[in-house]
Protein backbone atom coordinates (compact mmCIF):
# COMPACT_ATOMS: atom_id res chain seq x y z
CA MET A 1 0.22 -0.07 -0.36
CA MET A 2 0.96 3.24 -0.69
CA ALA A 3 1.12 5.94 1.73
CA GLU A 4 0.24 9.27 0.68
CA ASN A 5 2.91 12.08 -0.01
CA PRO A 6 2.15 15.15 0.70
CA ALA A 7 4.10 16.20 -2.97
CA ALA A 8 2.88 14.66 -4.89
CA GLY A 9 0.37 16.22 -8.09
CA THR A 10 3.12 18.76 -8.00
CA ALA A 11 5.55 17.72 -11.25
CA ASN A 12 8.91 20.86 -11.60
CA GLY A 13 7.00 23.35 -8.97
CA ILE A 14 3.33 23.15 -10.60
CA ASP A 15 0.09 22.69 -9.05
CA GLU A 16 -1.58 20.42 -12.03
CA GLY A 17 -5.65 21.61 -11.27
CA THR A 18 -3.92 25.66 -11.86
CA ASN A 19 -3.10 26.55 -15.58
CA PRO A 20 0.32 29.04 -15.45
CA ALA A 21 -1.76 31.81 -15.24
CA GLY A 22 -3.17 30.67 -12.25
CA GLU A 23 -6.79 29.90 -13.32
CA LYS A 24 -8.47 26.86 -12.09
CA GLY A 25 -7.79 24.16 -15.04
CA GLN A 26 -10.43 20.74 -15.79
CA GLY A 27 -9.31 18.98 -13.21
CA GLY A 28 -9.90 22.10 -10.84
CA ALA A 29 -13.70 21.77 -11.72
CA CYS A 30 -13.34 17.62 -11.66
CA ALA A 31 -12.03 17.82 -8.08
CA GLU A 32 -14.30 20.50 -6.56
CA GLY A 33 -17.28 19.24 -8.06
CA GLY A 34 -17.73 16.19 -9.01
CA GLY A 35 -20.73 17.46 -11.43
CA LEU A 36 -21.43 18.90 -15.49
CA PRO A 37 -18.09 20.42 -15.69
CA SER A 38 -18.02 25.08 -15.76
CA GLU A 39 -17.49 25.23 -19.94
CA ILE A 40 -20.19 23.35 -20.28
CA ALA A 41 -22.82 23.88 -18.23
CA ARG A 42 -21.52 28.20 -20.04
CA LYS A 43 -21.85 26.37 -23.23
CA PHE A 44 -25.20 24.43 -22.44
CA GLN A 45 -26.55 27.85 -20.97
CA GLU A 46 -25.90 29.39 -24.06
CA HIS A 47 -27.28 26.44 -26.18
CA GLU A 48 -30.52 26.93 -24.02
CA ASN A 49 -30.66 30.93 -24.17
CA VAL A 50 -30.32 30.71 -28.32
CA VAL A 51 -33.00 28.19 -28.29
CA ARG A 52 -35.45 30.46 -25.77
CA SER A 53 -34.43 33.51 -28.86
CA LEU A 54 -35.32 31.29 -30.99
CA VAL A 55 -38.29 30.34 -29.03
CA ASN A 56 -39.57 33.82 -28.66
CA GLU A 57 -39.00 34.84 -32.23
CA THR A 58 -40.81 31.68 -33.31
CA ARG A 59 -43.66 32.77 -30.25
CA GLY A 60 -43.76 36.61 -31.51
CA GLU A 61 -43.48 35.71 -35.08
CA LEU A 62 -46.43 33.49 -34.45
CA LEU A 63 -48.04 35.88 -32.50
CA SER A 64 -47.94 37.93 -35.21
CA SER A 65 -48.45 36.13 -38.03
CA MET A 66 -52.00 35.48 -36.34
CA SER A 67 -52.64 38.56 -35.98
CA LYS A 68 -51.86 39.69 -39.14
CA GLU A 69 -53.79 37.14 -40.02
CA VAL A 70 -56.98 37.60 -38.16
CA HIS A 71 -56.81 41.42 -38.98
CA ARG A 72 -56.95 40.14 -42.97
CA GLN A 73 -59.56 37.60 -42.02
CA PHE A 74 -61.64 40.57 -40.27
CA HIS A 75 -61.08 42.94 -43.15
CA VAL A 76 -62.53 39.76 -44.85
CA ASN A 77 -65.58 39.48 -42.93
CA GLN A 78 -65.93 43.36 -42.37
CA THR A 79 -66.15 43.32 -46.02
CA ALA A 80 -68.14 40.81 -46.40
CA LEU A 81 -70.78 41.99 -43.81
CA ALA A 82 -70.67 46.10 -45.36
CA GLN A 83 -70.72 44.05 -48.73
CA GLU A 84 -73.94 41.76 -47.38
CA MET A 85 -75.20 45.56 -45.40
CA GLN A 86 -75.11 46.96 -49.09
CA ARG A 87 -77.53 44.59 -50.47
CA GLN A 88 -80.09 44.17 -47.84
CA LEU A 89 -80.15 48.15 -48.51
CA GLU A 90 -80.71 47.93 -52.05
CA LEU A 91 -83.76 45.23 -51.83
CA VAL A 92 -85.22 47.38 -48.38
CA HIS A 93 -85.03 50.44 -50.49
CA GLN A 94 -86.19 48.56 -54.16
CA HIS A 95 -89.29 47.23 -51.95
CA PHE A 96 -90.65 50.04 -50.48
CA VAL A 97 -90.00 52.02 -53.60
CA THR A 98 -92.10 49.24 -55.30
CA GLU A 99 -94.92 49.18 -52.23
CA MET A 100 -95.07 52.62 -51.94
CA HIS A 101 -96.03 53.27 -56.02
CA ARG A 102 -98.31 50.03 -55.63
CA GLN A 103 -99.21 52.42 -52.94
CA PHE A 104 -99.67 55.91 -55.42
CA VAL A 105 -101.72 53.19 -57.69
CA LEU A 106 -104.31 52.58 -55.22
CA LEU A 107 -103.94 55.80 -53.24
CA ASP A 108 -105.60 57.19 -57.39
CA GLN A 109 -107.55 54.32 -57.80
CA ARG A 110 -109.78 55.49 -54.39
CA LEU A 111 -109.40 58.89 -55.02
CA GLU A 112 -111.06 58.91 -59.04
CA ASP A 113 -113.52 55.92 -57.90
CA ARG A 114 -114.73 58.05 -54.11
CA PHE A 115 -113.54 61.42 -54.82
CA THR A 116 -113.78 62.17 -58.26
CA PHE A 117 -113.65 65.74 -59.24
CA SER A 118 -113.90 65.49 -63.48
CA SER A 119 -114.76 63.50 -65.69
CA GLN A 120 -113.57 60.81 -68.04
CA THR A 121 -115.00 62.93 -71.28
CA PRO A 122 -115.00 66.78 -71.39
CA PRO A 123 -117.96 67.64 -69.28
CA THR A 124 -121.09 68.48 -71.84
CA ALA A 125 -123.70 71.71 -71.17
CA ASP A 126 -125.68 68.61 -72.00
CA GLU A 127 -124.94 66.94 -69.08
CA GLN A 128 -125.16 70.56 -66.61
CA ALA A 129 -128.90 71.11 -68.07
CA ARG A 130 -129.61 67.61 -66.74
CA ILE A 131 -128.02 67.44 -63.21
CA LEU A 132 -129.51 71.45 -62.75
CA GLU A 133 -133.23 69.88 -63.74
CA LEU A 134 -132.37 66.67 -61.52
CA ALA A 135 -131.13 68.80 -59.29
CA ALA A 136 -134.01 71.41 -58.67
CA HIS A 137 -137.12 68.19 -57.65
CA PHE A 138 -133.97 67.69 -54.56
CA ALA A 139 -134.80 71.56 -52.89
CA PRO A 140 -134.63 70.53 -49.50
CA LYS A 141 -137.36 72.16 -47.75
CA ARG A 142 -138.54 72.76 -44.05
CA LEU A 143 -140.95 70.83 -41.67
CA ARG A 144 -143.86 73.71 -40.04
CA GLY A 145 -143.75 73.78 -36.42
CA LEU A 146 -141.74 69.99 -37.09
CA GLY A 147 -138.53 68.51 -35.94
CA LYS A 148 -136.52 65.20 -38.03
CA VAL A 149 -135.45 62.09 -35.96
CA ARG A 150 -133.17 60.56 -36.48
CA ILE A 151 -133.49 56.41 -36.89
CA GLY A 152 -131.15 53.39 -37.59
CA ALA A 153 -126.96 52.63 -37.10
CA ASP A 154 -124.70 55.76 -36.49
CA HIS A 155 -123.51 55.26 -39.31
CA ASP A 156 -124.45 53.36 -42.75
CA GLY A 157 -128.40 51.57 -42.13
CA GLY A 158 -129.51 54.89 -40.27
CA TYR A 159 -131.58 57.85 -42.34
CA ILE A 160 -133.54 60.93 -40.92
CA LEU A 161 -137.14 61.33 -40.83
CA ALA A 162 -140.03 63.76 -39.92
CA ASP A 163 -140.79 63.23 -35.49
CA ARG A 164 -143.93 62.36 -36.39
CA LEU A 165 -144.65 58.71 -36.01
CA ALA A 166 -147.95 56.30 -34.53
CA ASP A 167 -148.00 55.29 -31.60
CA SER A 168 -149.82 52.18 -32.68
CA GLY A 169 -150.95 50.93 -35.96
CA GLY A 170 -148.04 51.87 -37.42
CA GLU A 171 -146.36 49.89 -41.20
CA ALA A 172 -143.32 49.91 -43.38
CA LEU A 173 -142.09 48.47 -45.71
CA SER A 174 -138.93 48.21 -46.28
CA LEU A 175 -137.33 47.76 -49.76
CA GLY A 176 -133.50 46.05 -49.22
CA VAL A 177 -131.94 45.14 -46.55
CA ALA A 178 -128.70 42.60 -47.02
CA ASP A 179 -127.45 42.61 -43.36
CA GLU A 180 -127.95 45.63 -41.88
CA VAL A 181 -131.21 46.00 -40.29
CA SER A 182 -131.11 49.11 -37.53
CA TRP A 183 -133.87 50.74 -38.78
CA ASP A 184 -136.10 48.15 -39.68
CA VAL A 185 -135.39 46.74 -35.51
CA GLU A 186 -135.93 50.01 -34.10
CA MET A 187 -139.03 50.30 -36.60
CA ALA A 188 -140.52 47.61 -34.92
CA GLU A 189 -139.71 48.53 -31.81
CA ALA A 190 -141.25 51.50 -31.56
CA GLY A 191 -144.38 49.92 -32.77
CA TYR A 192 -144.85 49.71 -36.90
CA LEU A 193 -145.18 45.91 -38.19
CA ILE A 194 -142.18 46.12 -41.14
CA HIS A 195 -142.52 44.12 -44.35
CA GLN A 196 -138.97 42.58 -45.20
CA TYR A 197 -137.92 42.61 -49.04
CA ASP A 198 -134.73 42.02 -50.82
CA HIS A 199 -134.03 38.40 -52.96
CA THR A 200 -130.22 38.77 -52.55
CA VAL A 201 -129.95 37.56 -48.66
CA ASP A 202 -131.76 34.69 -47.45
CA GLY A 203 -133.40 35.92 -44.16
CA PRO A 204 -133.56 39.13 -42.22
CA PRO A 205 -129.63 39.04 -40.85
CA SER A 206 -132.53 39.92 -37.20
CA GLU A 207 -135.30 38.21 -36.37
CA HIS A 208 -138.44 40.32 -34.89
CA VAL A 209 -142.07 40.05 -34.09
CA SER A 210 -143.16 42.67 -36.24
CA ILE A 211 -140.87 41.98 -38.91
CA ARG A 212 -142.15 40.12 -42.13
CA PHE A 213 -139.66 38.97 -44.37
CA ALA A 214 -140.09 38.14 -48.27
CA LYS A 215 -136.84 36.32 -50.43
CA THR A 216 -138.33 38.68 -53.64
CA LYS A 217 -138.07 41.18 -55.83
CA ILE A 218 -139.16 44.85 -55.73
CA VAL A 219 -139.57 45.48 -59.83
CA ALA A 220 -141.26 48.06 -61.69
CA VAL A 221 -143.77 45.96 -63.94
CA PRO A 222 -145.39 42.49 -62.15
CA GLU A 223 -142.98 39.04 -63.70
CA SER A 224 -142.78 36.05 -61.54
CA GLY A 225 -140.86 36.03 -59.14
CA GLY A 226 -140.62 39.78 -58.09
CA ALA A 227 -143.56 42.29 -56.45
CA THR A 228 -144.18 45.44 -57.37
CA ILE A 229 -144.98 47.97 -54.83
CA ALA A 230 -148.67 48.10 -55.37
CA GLU A 231 -148.62 44.27 -54.99
CA ALA A 232 -146.63 44.37 -51.77
CA LEU A 233 -149.05 46.77 -50.50
CA ALA A 234 -152.06 43.69 -50.49
CA ALA A 235 -149.68 43.03 -47.27
CA VAL A 236 -150.34 45.58 -45.43
CA SER A 237 -153.29 46.60 -43.79
CA VAL A 238 -155.82 49.04 -45.08
CA ASP A 239 -155.90 49.73 -41.55
CA ALA A 240 -152.90 50.67 -41.34
CA THR A 241 -152.27 54.21 -39.00
CA ASP A 242 -149.23 55.08 -40.58
CA LEU A 243 -147.45 54.31 -43.87
CA ILE A 244 -143.02 54.90 -44.53
CA LEU A 245 -141.57 53.77 -47.79
CA LYS A 246 -137.25 53.04 -46.82
CA MET A 247 -136.19 52.12 -50.05
CA ASP A 248 -132.29 51.11 -51.25
CA ILE A 249 -132.24 48.96 -54.35
CA GLU A 250 -129.49 49.76 -56.42
CA GLY A 251 -130.65 51.64 -58.73
CA ASP A 252 -133.69 50.23 -59.19
CA GLU A 253 -135.47 52.50 -57.70
CA TRP A 254 -135.72 55.12 -60.59
CA GLN A 255 -138.22 52.08 -62.16
CA VAL A 256 -139.87 51.17 -60.36
CA LEU A 257 -140.94 55.05 -59.00
CA GLU A 258 -141.17 55.58 -62.99
CA GLY A 259 -143.89 52.39 -62.60
CA ILE A 260 -145.33 53.13 -59.01
CA ASP A 261 -148.87 54.14 -59.18
CA ASP A 262 -150.51 57.75 -58.03
CA VAL A 263 -153.18 55.38 -55.69
CA SER A 264 -149.82 53.35 -54.26
CA LEU A 265 -148.15 56.07 -53.70
CA SER A 266 -150.82 58.32 -51.97
CA ARG A 267 -150.77 55.90 -48.84
CA PHE A 268 -147.01 56.66 -48.05
CA SER A 269 -146.86 59.42 -45.15
CA GLN A 270 -142.82 59.33 -46.34
CA ILE A 271 -140.55 57.88 -48.23
CA VAL A 272 -136.91 57.82 -47.58
CA CYS A 273 -134.98 56.62 -50.63
CA GLU A 274 -131.44 56.44 -50.89
CA PHE A 275 -130.17 56.91 -54.94
CA HIS A 276 -127.74 56.15 -57.00
CA GLU A 277 -125.57 55.77 -60.13
CA PHE A 278 -126.45 60.22 -60.42
CA ARG A 279 -122.68 59.26 -62.72
CA GLN A 280 -125.06 57.95 -65.68
CA ILE A 281 -126.43 61.22 -67.07
CA GLY A 282 -125.40 61.67 -70.50
CA ASP A 283 -127.33 58.37 -71.23
CA ASP A 284 -130.47 59.18 -72.25
CA ALA A 285 -132.75 56.28 -70.79
CA TRP A 286 -131.23 56.46 -67.86
CA PHE A 287 -131.97 60.30 -67.54
CA GLN A 288 -135.44 60.06 -69.10
CA THR A 289 -136.90 57.29 -66.35
CA ALA A 290 -135.23 59.40 -64.03
CA ARG A 291 -137.06 62.73 -65.21
CA ALA A 292 -140.43 60.77 -64.74
CA ALA A 293 -139.06 59.43 -61.18
CA LEU A 294 -138.49 63.06 -59.88
CA GLU A 295 -141.13 64.12 -61.04
CA LYS A 296 -143.84 61.75 -60.24
CA LEU A 297 -142.43 62.28 -56.90
CA SER A 298 -142.86 65.79 -56.82
CA ARG A 299 -146.31 65.69 -58.30
CA SER A 300 -147.01 64.86 -54.01
CA PHE A 301 -143.90 65.53 -52.34
CA ASP A 302 -141.36 67.27 -50.87
CA VAL A 303 -138.00 66.60 -49.89
CA VAL A 304 -136.92 67.59 -46.21
CA HIS A 305 -133.91 66.32 -45.75
CA VAL A 306 -130.78 65.20 -48.12
CA HIS A 307 -126.93 63.65 -46.79
CA ALA A 308 -124.84 62.52 -49.59
CA ASN A 309 -123.00 58.66 -48.59
CA ASN A 310 -119.75 58.82 -48.23
CA TYR A 311 -119.32 55.54 -49.54
CA GLY A 312 -119.95 57.71 -53.14
CA ALA A 313 -118.26 60.15 -55.20
CA LEU A 314 -118.74 63.19 -55.11
CA THR A 315 -118.90 63.96 -58.84
CA ALA A 316 -117.84 66.66 -61.18
CA LEU A 317 -121.03 66.07 -64.23
CA GLY A 318 -121.49 68.73 -66.69
CA ASN A 319 -119.30 70.93 -63.79
CA VAL A 320 -121.82 70.99 -61.01
CA PRO A 321 -120.63 68.63 -58.54
CA PHE A 322 -122.98 66.29 -57.14
CA PRO A 323 -123.17 63.08 -54.64
CA ASP A 324 -122.98 59.37 -57.13
CA LEU A 325 -125.32 58.33 -54.04
CA LEU A 326 -128.07 60.24 -52.04
CA GLU A 327 -131.01 59.61 -49.40
CA VAL A 328 -133.53 61.78 -49.24
CA THR A 329 -136.75 61.69 -47.11
CA PHE A 330 -139.97 63.03 -48.55
CA VAL A 331 -143.05 64.05 -46.74
CA ASN A 332 -146.45 63.54 -48.46
CA ARG A 333 -147.41 67.71 -48.80
CA ASP A 334 -151.29 65.98 -47.43
CA ARG A 335 -149.81 65.23 -44.40
CA PHE A 336 -146.91 66.88 -43.83
CA GLU A 337 -146.04 71.64 -43.91
CA THR A 338 -143.79 72.62 -46.00
CA GLU A 339 -142.22 75.77 -45.94
CA GLU A 340 -138.51 77.77 -47.17
CA GLY A 341 -135.53 76.63 -45.84
CA THR A 342 -132.22 77.37 -45.75
CA GLU A 343 -130.24 73.91 -43.93
CA TYR A 344 -126.92 73.48 -44.53
CA PHE A 345 -126.69 68.93 -44.78
CA PRO A 346 -125.31 67.71 -43.03
CA THR A 347 -126.65 67.99 -39.77
CA SER A 348 -126.12 67.52 -36.61
CA LEU A 349 -128.95 64.54 -37.23
CA ASP A 350 -126.42 63.14 -39.66
CA ARG A 351 -123.46 60.12 -39.24
CA PRO A 352 -120.53 59.85 -42.17
CA ASN A 353 -122.22 56.09 -43.82
CA ARG A 354 -118.49 55.84 -43.60
CA GLY A 355 -116.68 56.19 -40.57
CA ASP A 356 -113.22 56.38 -40.52
CA ARG A 357 -114.21 58.91 -43.88
CA PRO A 358 -115.76 62.92 -43.53
CA ASP A 359 -119.49 63.42 -44.29
CA ILE A 360 -119.54 65.12 -47.49
CA PHE A 361 -120.29 68.81 -47.20
CA LEU A 362 -123.84 69.64 -49.65
CA GLY A 363 -124.52 73.34 -48.11
CA THR A 364 -128.09 74.33 -48.69
CA PHE A 365 -127.62 71.72 -51.67
CA ARG A 366 -129.75 74.43 -53.69
CA PHE A 367 -128.82 74.59 -57.17
CA PRO A 368 -130.16 77.15 -60.07
CA SER A 369 -133.18 76.20 -62.23
């Protein structure tokens, strides 16, 4: 066995663990730590730093690339969104323009249908003379010592009568009822027996013990399936204390009134009638029939109330403004006294037939003759 030599590990007076400059060499590192030599650790650290730097650089480039891609996609999506919004706005605009055009066309049609102040053909002096002649028969007079009353609905279906109804025993012919019978029901409640005639419906929309219904057309001359006013009067009691005629038969009133005999006509104390189709003033046959009907009425009846039905138009007939639908109340001169009046129409008793439109102003409804 070898004993420890104090001089061992040196040669030529130089320590093996130290280089001539006095720095520790590898041998010294191994002798001191027993781990990786310091040079290897340093190199490892350098490599680690390089790797970290590369990783960070790569990560930065990746993040930058991703950011650029996200920005590009956002820009692309934003552009696409803007283009889609523009396309939708164009579609909305196109739809709006189309719809507005359609609404203006409909408005034009409604104005033409309801409030026509010009004819399709130029007005003539003959048309003006004709409408003024007919209008003269509608000049309203005032009831002497007597007021008027509204019977029926607040809008379409209500009519004005002289306020002299029988307490009992009265009867009425109601010609043309359709689906609105408020006048009939109120008169029945007042004690009148109502005789209804209408071939366009199967029965009255409202039943009442004092209402009799016939699915029969009112005609001017006797014919199969129809009845004249004279024939309808056969159902009325000869002892009736009062007899009133209400008529709304959609244009047939002209022929029916022209054809009624004077005896039948004289039985009525009051007549309330809706007159139609004044636009046909230029038609010779229509005008002759209308003239004959009004002349017959004027011989024994006075007009005491007029009201324009605003479901119809206010039409310029021969440049004379005139309603196409006119509700008129007549009283029998043998039963009522009248005098010249200056009443303005519509009155406080009147209501627009069509509630969503204003009533048609008629003034005094007096025209030069």
